[in-house]
Structures are given as C-alpha cells and as structure tokens.
Amino acid sequence: MRAKIAVSLLAACALAGCGTAAPSTPPKPKALTVADVRAPDPGGEVGSASSEFSSAADLTVWSRLSDTQGDPSRLAKIDVDATAKGALYLEPTTSTWFDAFRGPFVYQELAGDIVLHTRVKVEGKKSGPPLRKFSLGGAMLRVPQSNDRPNWLSITTGTGDKAERVELKETADGSSKPKEVPVEGGWIELVLARTGTVVSALYKEDGGVWKVGQRWLRPDLPKVLEWGVTGYSDWDGYGALKKDAAKANAAKTIKGRPDLKMTVDYVRFLRPATPAGDLMTAPDAVLVKLLTPAGA
C-alpha cells in the first residue's frame, strides 16, 4: 500500500511540477536606437588592409580565387592605375556567381566583424549599362574553401534582369536567393558588413543617401572570411552549361558575349562597434550610422 501511495504522489508531483523551477524566458534583445551606436573605426589592423589603388603595387596584397582554388581566371583584364587612373580595373569574360557557379573574385582573408566599403562604376564595354543579363560587379564575402557547399553573400550593381540595378544575393549551401532594386547608373558606393550574426548590405547612389538593401541572419559563418570584389557577365552565354555548375567551373573558356567593365575607386575595411541588441529589427537609420564611415 505504501508503495502505491508513493508512486501516486510522484506522479502527482510530476504533473504539478513539484520541486522544479519554472522554465525561464530568455530576455529579448535590446531595441536599438541611433543613440546606441557609432560609426565604424577606419584604423587598426583591419584598416591597413584597405586599398586606394594608387599604384600597381596595391594589387599584390590581394588574392585571386582562380589562383587559390585552381579555377580558370575568367578575367580578360585586371590592372591598377593603368586602364583607369588611381583605380582597380576589371574586365571579366563570360562568368557568373550563382548557386554553385564560381566567377572572378579578388579578396583578402580577414577575421571578426568587418565593414567593407567600396565605390564602383559598372558599365558595358561601350559605356552605358551592360547589355547582357546578369552583368554585375561589387562587393562580396565568402566562406573559405566552400566549393562543395558554397556560402557567400554579395552586393553588386549593373544589369540584372534589367539594367541599372543593385543586386543583393545570399547563397547558403549552394542555393542563391537574389533581390534586385533599381538605381541610377554611374558611380555607386556599396557596403557589405558582418556584425555578430548579422550580415548587412547598404548602397548609396552618387549624390544620394545611404539605403539599407538587405540584412541576413547568418550565425553559421566562421570567424575568418574572404572579403573582396567581383565582376562577372553574360549568364546567357553559358547555354547548356547552365545545368552543370561543376562542368562550367572547370571549363577553360565559355564562349559568350561578355559586356562589362568595372572600375573600383577604393576598397576600405573598417571595424564596426557592434552593439548588444537586435540588428535584424533595428531601424535602417541605426545600420546606416553603425556601418557607414562618418561623413560618408
């Protein structure tokens, strides 16, 4: 009888939660305001990786994915302070960054929270917008050695589905999700930044104001990432290779009609003062102050 009573008491206690603390609700992340954040720091080790592209020697500190991964170059021309005075100049062959497809990428490996700030102009070879679809250039970050499970994010400008667009693209485990917004042609400033678990992309048209294009929650990204610039052109030139990324990546040449030239005024790296708070839901004005250089 005593055993039955003890079992009954244990069962009742389990149902009532006797002797156990109520589960705690984790505190909500702080709602951030503009007063809670400051502009990123341009100095230090991260700042020393910046390039103003004033001489050919500036190119020596940058790696090319075609060299480090053994891919075909996909660049018809690349130089500093030659084709365009005081700038990096890129002219890709038929190439792309989409799903598991890889294109040109010029980068440096950097650790921690980073703001990449660049100013670019993307044109067709005869000026004006590129004539071929998905001819884009801009900023990109990539997980190193992620060929088998491609993970990278980018903010580029040029011609996407239509001319004069900014494209914001996340690729997670080989699946790309792009978004396009219309912009004015000509020079445009781009920011791509990692702050904790959030990656953000911002842009500013020449003479305009900073706008937040996209934010992605990416807690999976490693501490060290590849940060740099890309330019690619002519998705339609892939033809049947659109169905076979592995074969396309290995092809020495892809016969198409690439139409893109990209001029990069500078690439500047800054260290953000990442706040304790929810950057995914913070007002755009918070991200603009946190991720764009003071006075830019």
C-alpha atoms as a PDB file:
ATOM      1  CA  MET A   1       0.000   0.000   0.000  1.00  0.00           C
ATOM      2  CA  ARG A   2       2.797   2.418   0.891  1.00  0.00           C
ATOM      3  CA  ALA A   3       4.479   1.729  -2.464  1.00  0.00           C
ATOM      4  CA  LYS A   4       1.255   2.549  -4.298  1.00  0.00           C
ATOM      5  CA  ILE A   5       0.878   5.780  -2.336  1.00  0.00           C
ATOM      6  CA  ALA A   6       4.486   6.768  -3.093  1.00  0.00           C
ATOM      7  CA  VAL A   7       4.016   6.134  -6.826  1.00  0.00           C
ATOM      8  CA  SER A   8       0.788   8.143  -6.785  1.00  0.00           C
ATOM      9  CA  LEU A   9       2.494  11.043  -5.026  1.00  0.00           C
ATOM     10  CA  LEU A  10       5.396  11.003  -7.522  1.00  0.00           C
ATOM     11  CA  ALA A  11       3.013  11.032 -10.455  1.00  0.00           C
ATOM     12  CA  ALA A  12       1.011  13.906  -8.976  1.00  0.00           C
ATOM     13  CA  CYS A  13       4.188  15.807  -8.224  1.00  0.00           C
ATOM     14  CA  ALA A  14       5.425  15.324 -11.809  1.00  0.00           C
ATOM     15  CA  LEU A  15       2.145  16.675 -13.175  1.00  0.00           C
ATOM     16  CA  ALA A  16       2.241  19.650 -10.819  1.00  0.00           C
ATOM     17  CA  GLY A  17       5.924  20.374 -11.419  1.00  0.00           C
ATOM     18  CA  CYS A  18       6.870  19.842  -7.726  1.00  0.00           C
ATOM     19  CA  GLY A  19      10.486  20.631  -6.927  1.00  0.00           C
ATOM     20  CA  THR A  20      11.281  22.074 -10.385  1.00  0.00           C
ATOM     21  CA  ALA A  21      11.844  25.677 -11.346  1.00  0.00           C
ATOM     22  CA  ALA A  22       9.599  27.199 -13.962  1.00  0.00           C
ATOM     23  CA  PRO A  23      11.394  27.499 -17.333  1.00  0.00           C
ATOM     24  CA  SER A  24      12.885  30.946 -17.717  1.00  0.00           C
ATOM     25  CA  THR A  25      12.088  33.096 -20.737  1.00  0.00           C
ATOM     26  CA  PRO A  26      15.261  34.452 -22.354  1.00  0.00           C
ATOM     27  CA  PRO A  27      15.370  38.238 -22.351  1.00  0.00           C
ATOM     28  CA  LYS A  28      14.509  39.936 -25.601  1.00  0.00           C
ATOM     29  CA  PRO A  29      17.428  41.610 -27.401  1.00  0.00           C
ATOM     30  CA  LYS A  30      17.644  45.317 -26.754  1.00  0.00           C
ATOM     31  CA  ALA A  31      15.752  47.536 -29.183  1.00  0.00           C
ATOM     32  CA  LEU A  32      18.472  49.746 -30.631  1.00  0.00           C
ATOM     33  CA  THR A  33      18.271  53.458 -31.401  1.00  0.00           C
ATOM     34  CA  VAL A  34      20.640  55.730 -33.292  1.00  0.00           C
ATOM     35  CA  ALA A  35      21.974  56.996 -29.952  1.00  0.00           C
ATOM     36  CA  ASP A  36      23.157  53.465 -29.102  1.00  0.00           C
ATOM     37  CA  VAL A  37      25.626  53.146 -31.990  1.00  0.00           C
ATOM     38  CA  ARG A  38      28.593  54.951 -33.526  1.00  0.00           C
ATOM     39  CA  ALA A  39      30.356  54.949 -36.886  1.00  0.00           C
ATOM     40  CA  PRO A  40      32.901  52.199 -37.620  1.00  0.00           C
ATOM     41  CA  ASP A  41      36.609  52.597 -36.872  1.00  0.00           C
ATOM     42  CA  PRO A  42      38.768  53.036 -40.004  1.00  0.00           C
ATOM     43  CA  GLY A  43      42.069  52.312 -38.266  1.00  0.00           C
ATOM     44  CA  GLY A  44      43.980  49.390 -36.860  1.00  0.00           C
ATOM     45  CA  GLU A  45      44.942  46.125 -38.495  1.00  0.00           C
ATOM     46  CA  VAL A  46      41.718  45.939 -40.482  1.00  0.00           C
ATOM     47  CA  GLY A  47      42.184  49.467 -41.823  1.00  0.00           C
ATOM     48  CA  SER A  48      45.693  48.601 -43.015  1.00  0.00           C
ATOM     49  CA  ALA A  49      44.175  46.068 -45.433  1.00  0.00           C
ATOM     50  CA  SER A  50      42.417  48.895 -47.323  1.00  0.00           C
ATOM     51  CA  SER A  51      43.463  49.855 -50.852  1.00  0.00           C
ATOM     52  CA  GLU A  52      43.166  53.237 -52.557  1.00  0.00           C
ATOM     53  CA  PHE A  53      44.566  51.698 -55.777  1.00  0.00           C
ATOM     54  CA  SER A  54      47.040  54.487 -56.394  1.00  0.00           C
ATOM     55  CA  SER A  55      49.784  52.195 -57.734  1.00  0.00           C
ATOM     56  CA  ALA A  56      50.188  48.754 -59.272  1.00  0.00           C
ATOM     57  CA  ALA A  57      51.799  47.536 -56.042  1.00  0.00           C
ATOM     58  CA  ASP A  58      48.391  47.720 -54.340  1.00  0.00           C
ATOM     59  CA  LEU A  59      47.292  44.619 -56.252  1.00  0.00           C
ATOM     60  CA  THR A  60      49.982  42.428 -54.681  1.00  0.00           C
ATOM     61  CA  VAL A  61      48.186  42.161 -51.327  1.00  0.00           C
ATOM     62  CA  TRP A  62      45.047  40.776 -52.967  1.00  0.00           C
ATOM     63  CA  SER A  63      44.460  37.101 -53.762  1.00  0.00           C
ATOM     64  CA  ARG A  64      42.551  35.805 -56.772  1.00  0.00           C
ATOM     65  CA  LEU A  65      40.212  32.865 -56.380  1.00  0.00           C
ATOM     66  CA  SER A  66      41.430  31.466 -59.690  1.00  0.00           C
ATOM     67  CA  ASP A  67      44.929  31.161 -58.177  1.00  0.00           C
ATOM     68  CA  THR A  68      43.971  29.842 -54.747  1.00  0.00           C
ATOM     69  CA  GLN A  69      41.292  27.396 -55.955  1.00  0.00           C
ATOM     70  CA  GLY A  70      42.784  26.465 -59.327  1.00  0.00           C
ATOM     71  CA  ASP A  71      39.796  27.792 -61.292  1.00  0.00           C
ATOM     72  CA  PRO A  72      40.083  29.324 -64.763  1.00  0.00           C
ATOM     73  CA  SER A  73      40.738  33.054 -64.460  1.00  0.00           C
ATOM     74  CA  ARG A  74      37.536  34.410 -66.047  1.00  0.00           C
ATOM     75  CA  LEU A  75      39.273  37.799 -66.259  1.00  0.00           C
ATOM     76  CA  ALA A  76      40.203  39.246 -69.619  1.00  0.00           C
ATOM     77  CA  LYS A  77      41.884  42.195 -67.908  1.00  0.00           C
ATOM     78  CA  ILE A  78      42.821  43.320 -64.416  1.00  0.00           C
ATOM     79  CA  ASP A  79      45.136  46.185 -63.511  1.00  0.00           C
ATOM     80  CA  VAL A  80      45.634  49.043 -61.082  1.00  0.00           C
ATOM     81  CA  ASP A  81      46.329  52.672 -62.034  1.00  0.00           C
ATOM     82  CA  ALA A  82      46.705  51.763 -65.719  1.00  0.00           C
ATOM     83  CA  THR A  83      43.409  51.467 -67.613  1.00  0.00           C
ATOM     84  CA  ALA A  84      41.760  53.754 -65.047  1.00  0.00           C
ATOM     85  CA  LYS A  85      43.894  56.287 -63.186  1.00  0.00           C
ATOM     86  CA  GLY A  86      44.008  55.656 -59.442  1.00  0.00           C
ATOM     87  CA  ALA A  87      41.632  52.696 -59.631  1.00  0.00           C
ATOM     88  CA  LEU A  88      41.348  48.936 -59.919  1.00  0.00           C
ATOM     89  CA  TYR A  89      40.005  47.892 -63.315  1.00  0.00           C
ATOM     90  CA  LEU A  90      38.315  44.546 -64.004  1.00  0.00           C
ATOM     91  CA  GLU A  91      37.001  43.148 -67.273  1.00  0.00           C
ATOM     92  CA  PRO A  92      35.569  39.621 -66.945  1.00  0.00           C
ATOM     93  CA  THR A  93      34.993  37.001 -69.582  1.00  0.00           C
ATOM     94  CA  THR A  94      31.681  35.126 -69.607  1.00  0.00           C
ATOM     95  CA  SER A  95      31.264  34.208 -65.943  1.00  0.00           C
ATOM     96  CA  THR A  96      28.819  34.188 -63.048  1.00  0.00           C
ATOM     97  CA  TRP A  97      28.272  33.826 -59.323  1.00  0.00           C
ATOM     98  CA  PHE A  98      25.064  31.870 -58.787  1.00  0.00           C
ATOM     99  CA  ASP A  99      24.274  28.720 -56.776  1.00  0.00           C
ATOM    100  CA  ALA A 100      27.421  26.568 -57.189  1.00  0.00           C
ATOM    101  CA  PHE A 101      28.792  28.543 -60.154  1.00  0.00           C
ATOM    102  CA  ARG A 102      32.008  30.449 -59.422  1.00  0.00           C
ATOM    103  CA  GLY A 103      33.291  33.570 -61.123  1.00  0.00           C
ATOM    104  CA  PRO A 104      36.117  36.074 -60.599  1.00  0.00           C
ATOM    105  CA  PHE A 105      36.888  37.107 -57.038  1.00  0.00           C
ATOM    106  CA  VAL A 106      39.727  39.297 -55.765  1.00  0.00           C
ATOM    107  CA  TYR A 107      39.928  39.151 -51.984  1.00  0.00           C
ATOM    108  CA  GLN A 108      41.721  39.241 -48.647  1.00  0.00           C
ATOM    109  CA  GLU A 109      41.114  36.976 -45.662  1.00  0.00           C
ATOM    110  CA  LEU A 110      40.033  38.930 -42.576  1.00  0.00           C
ATOM    111  CA  ALA A 111      38.694  37.886 -39.186  1.00  0.00           C
ATOM    112  CA  GLY A 112      35.893  39.134 -36.994  1.00  0.00           C
ATOM    113  CA  ASP A 113      33.314  41.843 -37.540  1.00  0.00           C
ATOM    114  CA  ILE A 114      34.130  43.789 -40.714  1.00  0.00           C
ATOM    115  CA  VAL A 115      32.730  46.637 -42.800  1.00  0.00           C
ATOM    116  CA  LEU A 116      33.777  46.582 -46.460  1.00  0.00           C
ATOM    117  CA  HIS A 117      33.175  49.990 -48.075  1.00  0.00           C
ATOM    118  CA  THR A 118      33.822  50.458 -51.784  1.00  0.00           C
ATOM    119  CA  ARG A 119      32.968  52.835 -54.616  1.00  0.00           C
ATOM    120  CA  VAL A 120      32.468  51.290 -58.047  1.00  0.00           C
ATOM    121  CA  LYS A 121      31.291  52.051 -61.536  1.00  0.00           C
ATOM    122  CA  VAL A 122      29.943  49.206 -63.672  1.00  0.00           C
ATOM    123  CA  GLU A 123      29.406  49.778 -67.396  1.00  0.00           C
ATOM    124  CA  GLY A 124      29.115  47.936 -70.655  1.00  0.00           C
ATOM    125  CA  LYS A 125      32.246  47.852 -72.790  1.00  0.00           C
ATOM    126  CA  LYS A 126      30.910  50.765 -74.871  1.00  0.00           C
ATOM    127  CA  SER A 127      29.750  52.635 -71.744  1.00  0.00           C
ATOM    128  CA  GLY A 128      26.155  52.825 -70.609  1.00  0.00           C
ATOM    129  CA  PRO A 129      24.631  49.848 -68.772  1.00  0.00           C
ATOM    130  CA  PRO A 130      25.893  46.355 -69.673  1.00  0.00           C
ATOM    131  CA  LEU A 131      23.814  44.879 -72.477  1.00  0.00           C
ATOM    132  CA  ARG A 132      23.989  41.255 -71.331  1.00  0.00           C
ATOM    133  CA  LYS A 133      21.796  39.992 -68.480  1.00  0.00           C
ATOM    134  CA  PHE A 134      23.413  39.406 -65.103  1.00  0.00           C
ATOM    135  CA  SER A 135      26.462  41.520 -65.757  1.00  0.00           C
ATOM    136  CA  LEU A 136      27.216  42.793 -62.269  1.00  0.00           C
ATOM    137  CA  GLY A 137      30.089  43.918 -60.099  1.00  0.00           C
ATOM    138  CA  GLY A 138      30.636  44.931 -56.495  1.00  0.00           C
ATOM    139  CA  ALA A 139      31.432  43.598 -53.018  1.00  0.00           C
ATOM    140  CA  MET A 140      31.389  40.007 -51.814  1.00  0.00           C
ATOM    141  CA  LEU A 141      32.229  37.897 -48.761  1.00  0.00           C
ATOM    142  CA  ARG A 142      32.795  34.157 -48.954  1.00  0.00           C
ATOM    143  CA  VAL A 143      33.422  31.232 -46.633  1.00  0.00           C
ATOM    144  CA  PRO A 144      36.945  29.964 -47.461  1.00  0.00           C
ATOM    145  CA  GLN A 145      37.213  26.611 -49.228  1.00  0.00           C
ATOM    146  CA  SER A 146      33.447  26.353 -49.629  1.00  0.00           C
ATOM    147  CA  ASN A 147      33.370  24.852 -53.109  1.00  0.00           C
ATOM    148  CA  ASP A 148      31.427  21.760 -52.031  1.00  0.00           C
ATOM    149  CA  ARG A 149      28.865  23.749 -50.025  1.00  0.00           C
ATOM    150  CA  PRO A 150      29.048  27.276 -51.474  1.00  0.00           C
ATOM    151  CA  ASN A 151      28.362  30.004 -48.914  1.00  0.00           C
ATOM    152  CA  TRP A 152      28.760  33.641 -49.876  1.00  0.00           C
ATOM    153  CA  LEU A 153      26.914  36.962 -49.911  1.00  0.00           C
ATOM    154  CA  SER A 154      27.226  39.926 -52.242  1.00  0.00           C
ATOM    155  CA  ILE A 155      26.005  43.378 -53.148  1.00  0.00           C
ATOM    156  CA  THR A 156      26.623  44.223 -56.790  1.00  0.00           C
ATOM    157  CA  THR A 157      25.425  46.718 -59.371  1.00  0.00           C
ATOM    158  CA  GLY A 158      24.956  46.728 -63.132  1.00  0.00           C
ATOM    159  CA  THR A 159      22.474  44.773 -65.238  1.00  0.00           C
ATOM    160  CA  GLY A 160      20.483  42.002 -63.596  1.00  0.00           C
ATOM    161  CA  ASP A 161      17.110  41.033 -65.037  1.00  0.00           C
ATOM    162  CA  LYS A 162      17.029  44.703 -66.064  1.00  0.00           C
ATOM    163  CA  ALA A 163      19.614  47.448 -66.449  1.00  0.00           C
ATOM    164  CA  GLU A 164      20.655  49.827 -63.644  1.00  0.00           C
ATOM    165  CA  ARG A 165      20.083  47.577 -60.679  1.00  0.00           C
ATOM    166  CA  VAL A 166      21.646  46.763 -57.340  1.00  0.00           C
ATOM    167  CA  GLU A 167      21.520  43.038 -56.686  1.00  0.00           C
ATOM    168  CA  LEU A 168      21.613  41.682 -53.127  1.00  0.00           C
ATOM    169  CA  LYS A 169      22.362  37.979 -53.050  1.00  0.00           C
ATOM    170  CA  GLU A 170      22.677  35.343 -50.350  1.00  0.00           C
ATOM    171  CA  THR A 171      23.982  31.898 -51.202  1.00  0.00           C
ATOM    172  CA  ALA A 172      23.600  29.285 -48.473  1.00  0.00           C
ATOM    173  CA  ASP A 173      24.870  25.753 -49.108  1.00  0.00           C
ATOM    174  CA  GLY A 174      24.797  26.290 -52.860  1.00  0.00           C
ATOM    175  CA  SER A 175      21.354  27.890 -53.135  1.00  0.00           C
ATOM    176  CA  SER A 176      21.223  31.541 -54.194  1.00  0.00           C
ATOM    177  CA  LYS A 177      18.452  33.972 -53.325  1.00  0.00           C
ATOM    178  CA  PRO A 178      18.851  37.290 -55.170  1.00  0.00           C
ATOM    179  CA  LYS A 179      16.921  40.515 -54.793  1.00  0.00           C
ATOM    180  CA  GLU A 180      17.124  43.493 -57.160  1.00  0.00           C
ATOM    181  CA  VAL A 181      16.390  47.175 -56.608  1.00  0.00           C
ATOM    182  CA  PRO A 182      16.529  49.941 -59.259  1.00  0.00           C
ATOM    183  CA  VAL A 183      19.256  52.599 -59.029  1.00  0.00           C
ATOM    184  CA  GLU A 184      20.709  55.407 -61.099  1.00  0.00           C
ATOM    185  CA  GLY A 185      23.677  54.467 -63.274  1.00  0.00           C
ATOM    186  CA  GLY A 186      27.208  55.761 -62.714  1.00  0.00           C
ATOM    187  CA  TRP A 187      29.299  55.648 -59.571  1.00  0.00           C
ATOM    188  CA  ILE A 188      27.772  53.960 -56.537  1.00  0.00           C
ATOM    189  CA  GLU A 189      29.046  53.304 -53.017  1.00  0.00           C
ATOM    190  CA  LEU A 190      28.483  49.861 -51.528  1.00  0.00           C
ATOM    191  CA  VAL A 191      28.833  48.482 -48.011  1.00  0.00           C
ATOM    192  CA  LEU A 192      28.888  44.820 -47.058  1.00  0.00           C
ATOM    193  CA  ALA A 193      29.282  44.177 -43.338  1.00  0.00           C
ATOM    194  CA  ARG A 194      29.298  41.397 -40.771  1.00  0.00           C
ATOM    195  CA  THR A 195      28.259  42.368 -37.208  1.00  0.00           C
ATOM    196  CA  GLY A 196      27.958  39.346 -34.976  1.00  0.00           C
ATOM    197  CA  THR A 197      25.427  37.004 -36.563  1.00  0.00           C
ATOM    198  CA  VAL A 198      24.031  39.592 -38.996  1.00  0.00           C
ATOM    199  CA  VAL A 199      25.292  40.445 -42.472  1.00  0.00           C
ATOM    200  CA  SER A 200      24.044  43.734 -43.951  1.00  0.00           C
ATOM    201  CA  ALA A 201      24.262  45.321 -47.394  1.00  0.00           C
ATOM    202  CA  LEU A 202      23.878  49.072 -47.994  1.00  0.00           C
ATOM    203  CA  TYR A 203      24.252  51.297 -51.046  1.00  0.00           C
ATOM    204  CA  LYS A 204      24.376  54.970 -51.959  1.00  0.00           C
ATOM    205  CA  GLU A 205      23.907  56.419 -55.418  1.00  0.00           C
ATOM    206  CA  ASP A 206      26.219  59.263 -56.438  1.00  0.00           C
ATOM    207  CA  GLY A 207      24.951  62.359 -54.638  1.00  0.00           C
ATOM    208  CA  GLY A 208      22.281  60.356 -52.813  1.00  0.00           C
ATOM    209  CA  VAL A 209      21.802  58.979 -49.306  1.00  0.00           C
ATOM    210  CA  TRP A 210      22.625  55.605 -47.784  1.00  0.00           C
ATOM    211  CA  LYS A 211      19.936  52.940 -48.068  1.00  0.00           C
ATOM    212  CA  VAL A 212      19.750  49.531 -46.422  1.00  0.00           C
ATOM    213  CA  GLY A 213      19.296  46.974 -49.162  1.00  0.00           C
ATOM    214  CA  GLN A 214      19.191  43.761 -47.177  1.00  0.00           C
ATOM    215  CA  ARG A 215      20.086  42.051 -43.906  1.00  0.00           C
ATOM    216  CA  TRP A 216      20.695  38.348 -43.449  1.00  0.00           C
ATOM    217  CA  LEU A 217      20.875  36.322 -40.240  1.00  0.00           C
ATOM    218  CA  ARG A 218      23.985  34.114 -40.625  1.00  0.00           C
ATOM    219  CA  PRO A 219      25.174  32.677 -37.290  1.00  0.00           C
ATOM    220  CA  ASP A 220      26.861  29.844 -39.220  1.00  0.00           C
ATOM    221  CA  LEU A 221      29.626  31.973 -40.748  1.00  0.00           C
ATOM    222  CA  PRO A 222      33.163  31.243 -39.467  1.00  0.00           C
ATOM    223  CA  LYS A 223      35.366  33.879 -37.869  1.00  0.00           C
ATOM    224  CA  VAL A 224      37.630  34.198 -40.925  1.00  0.00           C
ATOM    225  CA  LEU A 225      36.051  35.099 -44.254  1.00  0.00           C
ATOM    226  CA  GLU A 226      37.225  36.123 -47.704  1.00  0.00           C
ATOM    227  CA  TRP A 227      36.348  39.776 -48.348  1.00  0.00           C
ATOM    228  CA  GLY A 228      36.715  41.481 -51.706  1.00  0.00           C
ATOM    229  CA  VAL A 229      35.279  42.448 -55.083  1.00  0.00           C
ATOM    230  CA  THR A 230      33.849  40.561 -58.021  1.00  0.00           C
ATOM    231  CA  GLY A 231      32.725  41.340 -61.549  1.00  0.00           C
ATOM    232  CA  TYR A 232      31.001  38.897 -63.899  1.00  0.00           C
ATOM    233  CA  SER A 233      28.954  38.958 -67.098  1.00  0.00           C
ATOM    234  CA  ASP A 234      26.705  37.178 -69.578  1.00  0.00           C
ATOM    235  CA  TRP A 235      24.735  34.408 -67.885  1.00  0.00           C
ATOM    236  CA  ASP A 236      23.012  33.596 -71.184  1.00  0.00           C
ATOM    237  CA  GLY A 237      26.437  32.801 -72.654  1.00  0.00           C
ATOM    238  CA  TYR A 238      26.536  29.631 -70.550  1.00  0.00           C
ATOM    239  CA  GLY A 239      23.950  27.951 -72.764  1.00  0.00           C
ATOM    240  CA  ALA A 240      23.661  24.248 -71.885  1.00  0.00           C
ATOM    241  CA  LEU A 241      26.223  24.705 -69.092  1.00  0.00           C
ATOM    242  CA  LYS A 242      23.530  26.425 -67.034  1.00  0.00           C
ATOM    243  CA  LYS A 243      22.530  22.903 -65.935  1.00  0.00           C
ATOM    244  CA  ASP A 244      26.018  21.763 -64.882  1.00  0.00           C
ATOM    245  CA  ALA A 245      27.908  24.015 -62.460  1.00  0.00           C
ATOM    246  CA  ALA A 246      30.787  21.563 -61.969  1.00  0.00           C
ATOM    247  CA  LYS A 247      31.432  21.323 -65.701  1.00  0.00           C
ATOM    248  CA  ALA A 248      31.068  25.078 -66.127  1.00  0.00           C
ATOM    249  CA  ASN A 249      33.508  25.821 -63.287  1.00  0.00           C
ATOM    250  CA  ALA A 250      36.105  23.540 -64.874  1.00  0.00           C
ATOM    251  CA  ALA A 251      35.708  24.864 -68.429  1.00  0.00           C
ATOM    252  CA  LYS A 252      38.779  26.815 -69.535  1.00  0.00           C
ATOM    253  CA  THR A 253      36.692  29.101 -71.731  1.00  0.00           C
ATOM    254  CA  ILE A 254      32.993  29.734 -72.140  1.00  0.00           C
ATOM    255  CA  LYS A 255      32.088  31.211 -75.482  1.00  0.00           C
ATOM    256  CA  GLY A 256      29.731  34.077 -74.882  1.00  0.00           C
ATOM    257  CA  ARG A 257      29.401  37.810 -75.331  1.00  0.00           C
ATOM    258  CA  PRO A 258      30.517  39.341 -72.042  1.00  0.00           C
ATOM    259  CA  ASP A 259      29.786  43.048 -71.710  1.00  0.00           C
ATOM    260  CA  LEU A 260      31.133  44.522 -68.501  1.00  0.00           C
ATOM    261  CA  LYS A 261      33.919  46.786 -67.374  1.00  0.00           C
ATOM    262  CA  MET A 262      34.259  47.665 -63.717  1.00  0.00           C
ATOM    263  CA  THR A 263      36.212  50.490 -62.124  1.00  0.00           C
ATOM    264  CA  VAL A 264      36.886  50.331 -58.375  1.00  0.00           C
ATOM    265  CA  ASP A 265      37.871  53.648 -56.804  1.00  0.00           C
ATOM    266  CA  TYR A 266      38.853  52.101 -53.464  1.00  0.00           C
ATOM    267  CA  VAL A 267      38.148  49.246 -51.061  1.00  0.00           C
ATOM    268  CA  ARG A 268      38.243  50.290 -47.400  1.00  0.00           C
ATOM    269  CA  PHE A 269      37.950  47.964 -44.436  1.00  0.00           C
ATOM    270  CA  LEU A 270      36.616  49.231 -41.133  1.00  0.00           C
ATOM    271  CA  ARG A 271      35.869  47.687 -37.749  1.00  0.00           C
ATOM    272  CA  PRO A 272      32.284  48.194 -36.547  1.00  0.00           C
ATOM    273  CA  ALA A 273      31.478  48.812 -32.891  1.00  0.00           C
ATOM    274  CA  THR A 274      28.918  46.006 -32.813  1.00  0.00           C
ATOM    275  CA  PRO A 275      26.305  46.781 -30.130  1.00  0.00           C
ATOM    276  CA  ALA A 276      24.417  44.389 -27.866  1.00  0.00           C
ATOM    277  CA  GLY A 277      20.994  44.472 -29.445  1.00  0.00           C
ATOM    278  CA  ASP A 278      18.837  43.225 -32.294  1.00  0.00           C
ATOM    279  CA  LEU A 279      20.276  44.430 -35.599  1.00  0.00           C
ATOM    280  CA  MET A 280      17.776  42.408 -37.631  1.00  0.00           C
ATOM    281  CA  THR A 281      14.900  44.598 -36.450  1.00  0.00           C
ATOM    282  CA  ALA A 282      16.725  47.860 -35.744  1.00  0.00           C
ATOM    283  CA  PRO A 283      15.627  50.905 -37.781  1.00  0.00           C
ATOM    284  CA  ASP A 284      17.547  51.462 -41.012  1.00  0.00           C
ATOM    285  CA  ALA A 285      19.000  54.663 -39.535  1.00  0.00           C
ATOM    286  CA  VAL A 286      20.789  52.552 -36.906  1.00  0.00           C
ATOM    287  CA  LEU A 287      22.522  50.422 -39.553  1.00  0.00           C
ATOM    288  CA  VAL A 288      23.436  53.494 -41.606  1.00  0.00           C
ATOM    289  CA  LYS A 289      25.181  55.101 -38.637  1.00  0.00           C
ATOM    290  CA  LEU A 290      26.794  51.837 -37.481  1.00  0.00           C
ATOM    291  CA  LEU A 291      28.069  50.638 -40.864  1.00  0.00           C
ATOM    292  CA  THR A 292      28.927  53.683 -42.969  1.00  0.00           C
ATOM    293  CA  PRO A 293      32.018  55.871 -42.442  1.00  0.00           C
ATOM    294  CA  ALA A 294      31.485  59.083 -40.523  1.00  0.00           C
ATOM    295  CA  GLY A 295      30.821  61.838 -43.033  1.00  0.00           C
ATOM    296  CA  ALA A 296      30.404  59.463 -45.987  1.00  0.00           C
END
